[in-house]
N, C-alpha and C. Protein backbone atom coordinates (compact mmCIF):
# COMPACT_ATOMS: atom_id res chain seq x y z
N MET A 1 0.85 -1.18 0.00
CA MET A 1 0.00 0.00 0.00
C MET A 1 0.90 1.24 0.00
N ASN A 2 0.64 2.15 -0.93
CA ASN A 2 1.41 3.39 -0.95
C ASN A 2 0.62 4.49 -0.25
N LYS A 3 1.17 5.69 -0.22
CA LYS A 3 0.55 6.79 0.52
C LYS A 3 -0.83 7.14 -0.03
N ASN A 4 -0.99 7.18 -1.36
CA ASN A 4 -2.30 7.52 -1.94
C ASN A 4 -3.34 6.46 -1.59
N GLU A 5 -2.95 5.20 -1.60
CA GLU A 5 -3.87 4.12 -1.23
C GLU A 5 -4.23 4.21 0.25
N LEU A 6 -3.28 4.59 1.08
CA LEU A 6 -3.55 4.75 2.51
C LEU A 6 -4.51 5.91 2.73
N VAL A 7 -4.32 7.02 2.04
CA VAL A 7 -5.23 8.16 2.15
C VAL A 7 -6.65 7.74 1.75
N SER A 8 -6.77 6.98 0.68
CA SER A 8 -8.09 6.50 0.23
C SER A 8 -8.73 5.58 1.27
N ALA A 9 -7.93 4.71 1.87
CA ALA A 9 -8.45 3.80 2.89
C ALA A 9 -8.90 4.56 4.14
N ILE A 10 -8.14 5.56 4.53
CA ILE A 10 -8.52 6.40 5.68
C ILE A 10 -9.82 7.13 5.38
N ALA A 11 -9.93 7.68 4.19
CA ALA A 11 -11.14 8.41 3.80
C ALA A 11 -12.35 7.48 3.83
N GLU A 12 -12.20 6.29 3.32
CA GLU A 12 -13.31 5.33 3.25
C GLU A 12 -13.75 4.89 4.64
N LYS A 13 -12.79 4.59 5.51
CA LYS A 13 -13.12 4.07 6.84
C LYS A 13 -13.59 5.15 7.81
N SER A 14 -13.13 6.39 7.60
CA SER A 14 -13.46 7.45 8.55
C SER A 14 -14.62 8.33 8.10
N GLY A 15 -14.93 8.29 6.81
CA GLY A 15 -15.98 9.17 6.30
C GLY A 15 -15.48 10.57 5.99
N LEU A 16 -14.18 10.78 6.11
CA LEU A 16 -13.59 12.07 5.76
C LEU A 16 -13.37 12.13 4.26
N SER A 17 -13.20 13.35 3.76
CA SER A 17 -12.85 13.48 2.34
C SER A 17 -11.39 13.07 2.18
N LYS A 18 -11.00 12.82 0.93
CA LYS A 18 -9.60 12.45 0.68
C LYS A 18 -8.67 13.60 1.04
N VAL A 19 -9.10 14.82 0.82
CA VAL A 19 -8.27 15.99 1.15
C VAL A 19 -8.05 16.05 2.66
N ASP A 20 -9.12 15.86 3.44
CA ASP A 20 -9.00 15.88 4.90
C ASP A 20 -8.19 14.69 5.40
N SER A 21 -8.37 13.55 4.77
CA SER A 21 -7.60 12.36 5.16
C SER A 21 -6.12 12.57 4.90
N LYS A 22 -5.78 13.20 3.77
CA LYS A 22 -4.38 13.47 3.46
C LYS A 22 -3.79 14.45 4.48
N LYS A 23 -4.57 15.47 4.87
CA LYS A 23 -4.10 16.42 5.88
C LYS A 23 -3.88 15.72 7.21
N ALA A 24 -4.79 14.81 7.58
CA ALA A 24 -4.65 14.09 8.84
C ALA A 24 -3.41 13.20 8.83
N LEU A 25 -3.19 12.50 7.72
CA LEU A 25 -2.02 11.63 7.60
C LEU A 25 -0.74 12.46 7.66
N GLU A 26 -0.71 13.58 6.96
CA GLU A 26 0.48 14.44 6.98
C GLU A 26 0.71 15.03 8.36
N ALA A 27 -0.37 15.35 9.09
CA ALA A 27 -0.23 15.85 10.45
C ALA A 27 0.35 14.77 11.36
N PHE A 28 -0.11 13.53 11.18
CA PHE A 28 0.42 12.40 11.95
C PHE A 28 1.90 12.21 11.66
N GLU A 29 2.25 12.21 10.37
CA GLU A 29 3.66 12.06 9.99
C GLU A 29 4.51 13.17 10.60
N GLY A 30 4.01 14.40 10.55
CA GLY A 30 4.75 15.53 11.10
C GLY A 30 4.94 15.44 12.60
N ALA A 31 3.89 15.00 13.31
CA ALA A 31 3.98 14.88 14.76
C ALA A 31 4.96 13.79 15.16
N VAL A 32 4.92 12.65 14.49
CA VAL A 32 5.84 11.56 14.78
C VAL A 32 7.27 11.99 14.46
N THR A 33 7.46 12.61 13.31
CA THR A 33 8.79 13.07 12.90
C THR A 33 9.37 14.06 13.91
N ALA A 34 8.54 15.02 14.35
CA ALA A 34 9.00 16.03 15.31
C ALA A 34 9.40 15.38 16.64
N SER A 35 8.61 14.42 17.10
CA SER A 35 8.92 13.75 18.36
C SER A 35 10.22 12.95 18.25
N LEU A 36 10.38 12.23 17.14
CA LEU A 36 11.60 11.45 16.96
C LEU A 36 12.82 12.35 16.83
N ALA A 37 12.66 13.51 16.19
CA ALA A 37 13.77 14.45 16.05
C ALA A 37 14.24 14.96 17.41
N LYS A 38 13.32 15.04 18.38
CA LYS A 38 13.65 15.47 19.74
C LYS A 38 14.21 14.31 20.57
N GLY A 39 14.20 13.11 20.00
CA GLY A 39 14.68 11.95 20.73
C GLY A 39 13.61 11.27 21.56
N GLU A 40 12.35 11.68 21.39
CA GLU A 40 11.24 11.10 22.13
C GLU A 40 10.65 9.92 21.35
N SER A 41 9.99 9.02 22.06
CA SER A 41 9.30 7.93 21.38
C SER A 41 7.81 8.25 21.30
N VAL A 42 7.13 7.60 20.37
CA VAL A 42 5.69 7.76 20.20
C VAL A 42 5.06 6.38 20.35
N THR A 43 4.19 6.23 21.35
CA THR A 43 3.57 4.94 21.62
C THR A 43 2.09 5.00 21.32
N LEU A 44 1.63 4.10 20.47
CA LEU A 44 0.21 3.94 20.17
C LEU A 44 -0.18 2.58 20.72
N VAL A 45 -0.83 2.56 21.88
CA VAL A 45 -1.13 1.31 22.58
C VAL A 45 -1.86 0.34 21.66
N GLY A 46 -1.35 -0.87 21.59
CA GLY A 46 -1.93 -1.91 20.75
C GLY A 46 -1.40 -1.91 19.32
N PHE A 47 -0.96 -0.75 18.84
CA PHE A 47 -0.45 -0.65 17.48
C PHE A 47 1.06 -0.79 17.44
N GLY A 48 1.76 0.05 18.21
CA GLY A 48 3.21 -0.05 18.23
C GLY A 48 3.88 1.20 18.75
N THR A 49 5.20 1.16 18.74
CA THR A 49 6.01 2.27 19.25
C THR A 49 7.05 2.66 18.23
N PHE A 50 7.10 3.96 17.93
CA PHE A 50 8.14 4.54 17.10
C PHE A 50 9.20 5.07 18.06
N SER A 51 10.47 4.79 17.81
CA SER A 51 11.53 5.27 18.69
C SER A 51 12.79 5.53 17.90
N VAL A 52 13.78 6.09 18.58
CA VAL A 52 15.07 6.38 17.97
C VAL A 52 16.10 5.45 18.60
N ALA A 53 16.89 4.78 17.76
CA ALA A 53 17.96 3.91 18.25
C ALA A 53 19.29 4.47 17.77
N LYS A 54 20.31 4.26 18.56
CA LYS A 54 21.64 4.75 18.20
C LYS A 54 22.48 3.58 17.69
N ARG A 55 23.04 3.73 16.52
CA ARG A 55 23.96 2.73 15.96
C ARG A 55 25.38 3.21 16.16
N GLU A 56 26.19 2.37 16.73
CA GLU A 56 27.58 2.72 16.97
C GLU A 56 28.37 2.68 15.65
N ALA A 57 29.50 3.35 15.64
CA ALA A 57 30.39 3.31 14.47
C ALA A 57 30.91 1.88 14.33
N ARG A 58 31.12 1.45 13.10
CA ARG A 58 31.59 0.09 12.89
C ARG A 58 32.39 0.02 11.59
N ASN A 59 33.07 -1.09 11.42
CA ASN A 59 33.82 -1.33 10.19
C ASN A 59 32.95 -2.13 9.23
N GLY A 60 33.09 -1.85 7.94
CA GLY A 60 32.35 -2.56 6.91
C GLY A 60 33.24 -2.81 5.72
N VAL A 61 32.64 -3.37 4.68
CA VAL A 61 33.38 -3.67 3.46
C VAL A 61 32.62 -3.09 2.27
N ASN A 62 33.33 -2.35 1.42
CA ASN A 62 32.74 -1.85 0.19
C ASN A 62 32.58 -3.03 -0.76
N PRO A 63 31.33 -3.39 -1.11
CA PRO A 63 31.14 -4.58 -1.94
C PRO A 63 31.72 -4.44 -3.35
N ALA A 64 31.84 -3.24 -3.85
CA ALA A 64 32.37 -3.05 -5.20
C ALA A 64 33.88 -3.26 -5.26
N THR A 65 34.58 -2.79 -4.21
CA THR A 65 36.04 -2.86 -4.25
C THR A 65 36.62 -3.88 -3.28
N GLY A 66 35.84 -4.29 -2.29
CA GLY A 66 36.34 -5.21 -1.28
C GLY A 66 37.18 -4.54 -0.21
N LYS A 67 37.32 -3.21 -0.28
CA LYS A 67 38.12 -2.47 0.69
C LYS A 67 37.34 -2.28 1.99
N ALA A 68 38.07 -2.27 3.09
CA ALA A 68 37.47 -1.99 4.39
C ALA A 68 37.11 -0.51 4.48
N ILE A 69 35.96 -0.22 5.02
CA ILE A 69 35.53 1.18 5.20
C ILE A 69 35.04 1.37 6.63
N LYS A 70 35.01 2.61 7.06
CA LYS A 70 34.53 2.98 8.38
C LYS A 70 33.10 3.49 8.21
N ILE A 71 32.15 2.91 8.93
CA ILE A 71 30.76 3.35 8.89
C ILE A 71 30.52 4.18 10.14
N ALA A 72 30.09 5.42 9.94
CA ALA A 72 29.92 6.36 11.05
C ALA A 72 28.73 5.98 11.94
N ALA A 73 28.79 6.42 13.19
CA ALA A 73 27.67 6.23 14.11
C ALA A 73 26.52 7.10 13.64
N LYS A 74 25.30 6.65 13.88
CA LYS A 74 24.14 7.45 13.51
C LYS A 74 22.92 7.00 14.30
N LYS A 75 21.91 7.83 14.27
CA LYS A 75 20.63 7.51 14.89
C LYS A 75 19.68 7.04 13.80
N VAL A 76 18.86 6.04 14.11
CA VAL A 76 17.90 5.51 13.14
C VAL A 76 16.52 5.43 13.77
N ALA A 77 15.49 5.56 12.95
CA ALA A 77 14.12 5.41 13.42
C ALA A 77 13.80 3.92 13.50
N LYS A 78 13.06 3.53 14.53
CA LYS A 78 12.70 2.15 14.76
C LYS A 78 11.21 2.05 15.02
N PHE A 79 10.60 0.92 14.65
CA PHE A 79 9.20 0.66 14.96
C PHE A 79 9.08 -0.73 15.55
N LYS A 80 8.42 -0.82 16.69
CA LYS A 80 8.16 -2.12 17.30
C LYS A 80 6.65 -2.30 17.36
N ALA A 81 6.17 -3.36 16.73
CA ALA A 81 4.73 -3.63 16.69
C ALA A 81 4.19 -3.91 18.08
N GLY A 82 2.98 -3.42 18.34
CA GLY A 82 2.30 -3.69 19.60
C GLY A 82 1.64 -5.06 19.55
N ALA A 83 1.08 -5.46 20.68
CA ALA A 83 0.50 -6.80 20.82
C ALA A 83 -0.64 -7.05 19.83
N LYS A 84 -1.57 -6.10 19.71
CA LYS A 84 -2.71 -6.29 18.81
C LYS A 84 -2.27 -6.41 17.36
N LEU A 85 -1.36 -5.55 16.93
CA LEU A 85 -0.86 -5.58 15.56
C LEU A 85 -0.11 -6.87 15.29
N ALA A 86 0.73 -7.29 16.22
CA ALA A 86 1.49 -8.52 16.07
C ALA A 86 0.55 -9.72 15.96
N GLU A 87 -0.51 -9.70 16.75
CA GLU A 87 -1.49 -10.80 16.72
C GLU A 87 -2.21 -10.88 15.37
N VAL A 88 -2.59 -9.73 14.83
CA VAL A 88 -3.28 -9.69 13.54
C VAL A 88 -2.37 -10.16 12.41
N VAL A 89 -1.11 -9.78 12.46
CA VAL A 89 -0.16 -10.14 11.42
C VAL A 89 0.11 -11.65 11.45
N ASN A 90 0.19 -12.22 12.65
CA ASN A 90 0.45 -13.65 12.75
C ASN A 90 -0.84 -14.38 12.58
């Protein structure tokens, strides 16, 4: 499912117009992004938790040349499914 299909599904299930559904989805994306940028997690009980994880610097290999390279430390966004979502998926 892509973003346009998700907007259509939200509109259908909520009774909102597609324009309002797109605004709601973009507001959700913005709120989650802002919280993660501050280092905070976002928990939706039963659905899951968005959080920030820190990856340490490590050594890697350039697959094209086979040379060893240094991979810098960075923060990455993470999602852990909640109990209800995990149950539905399984």
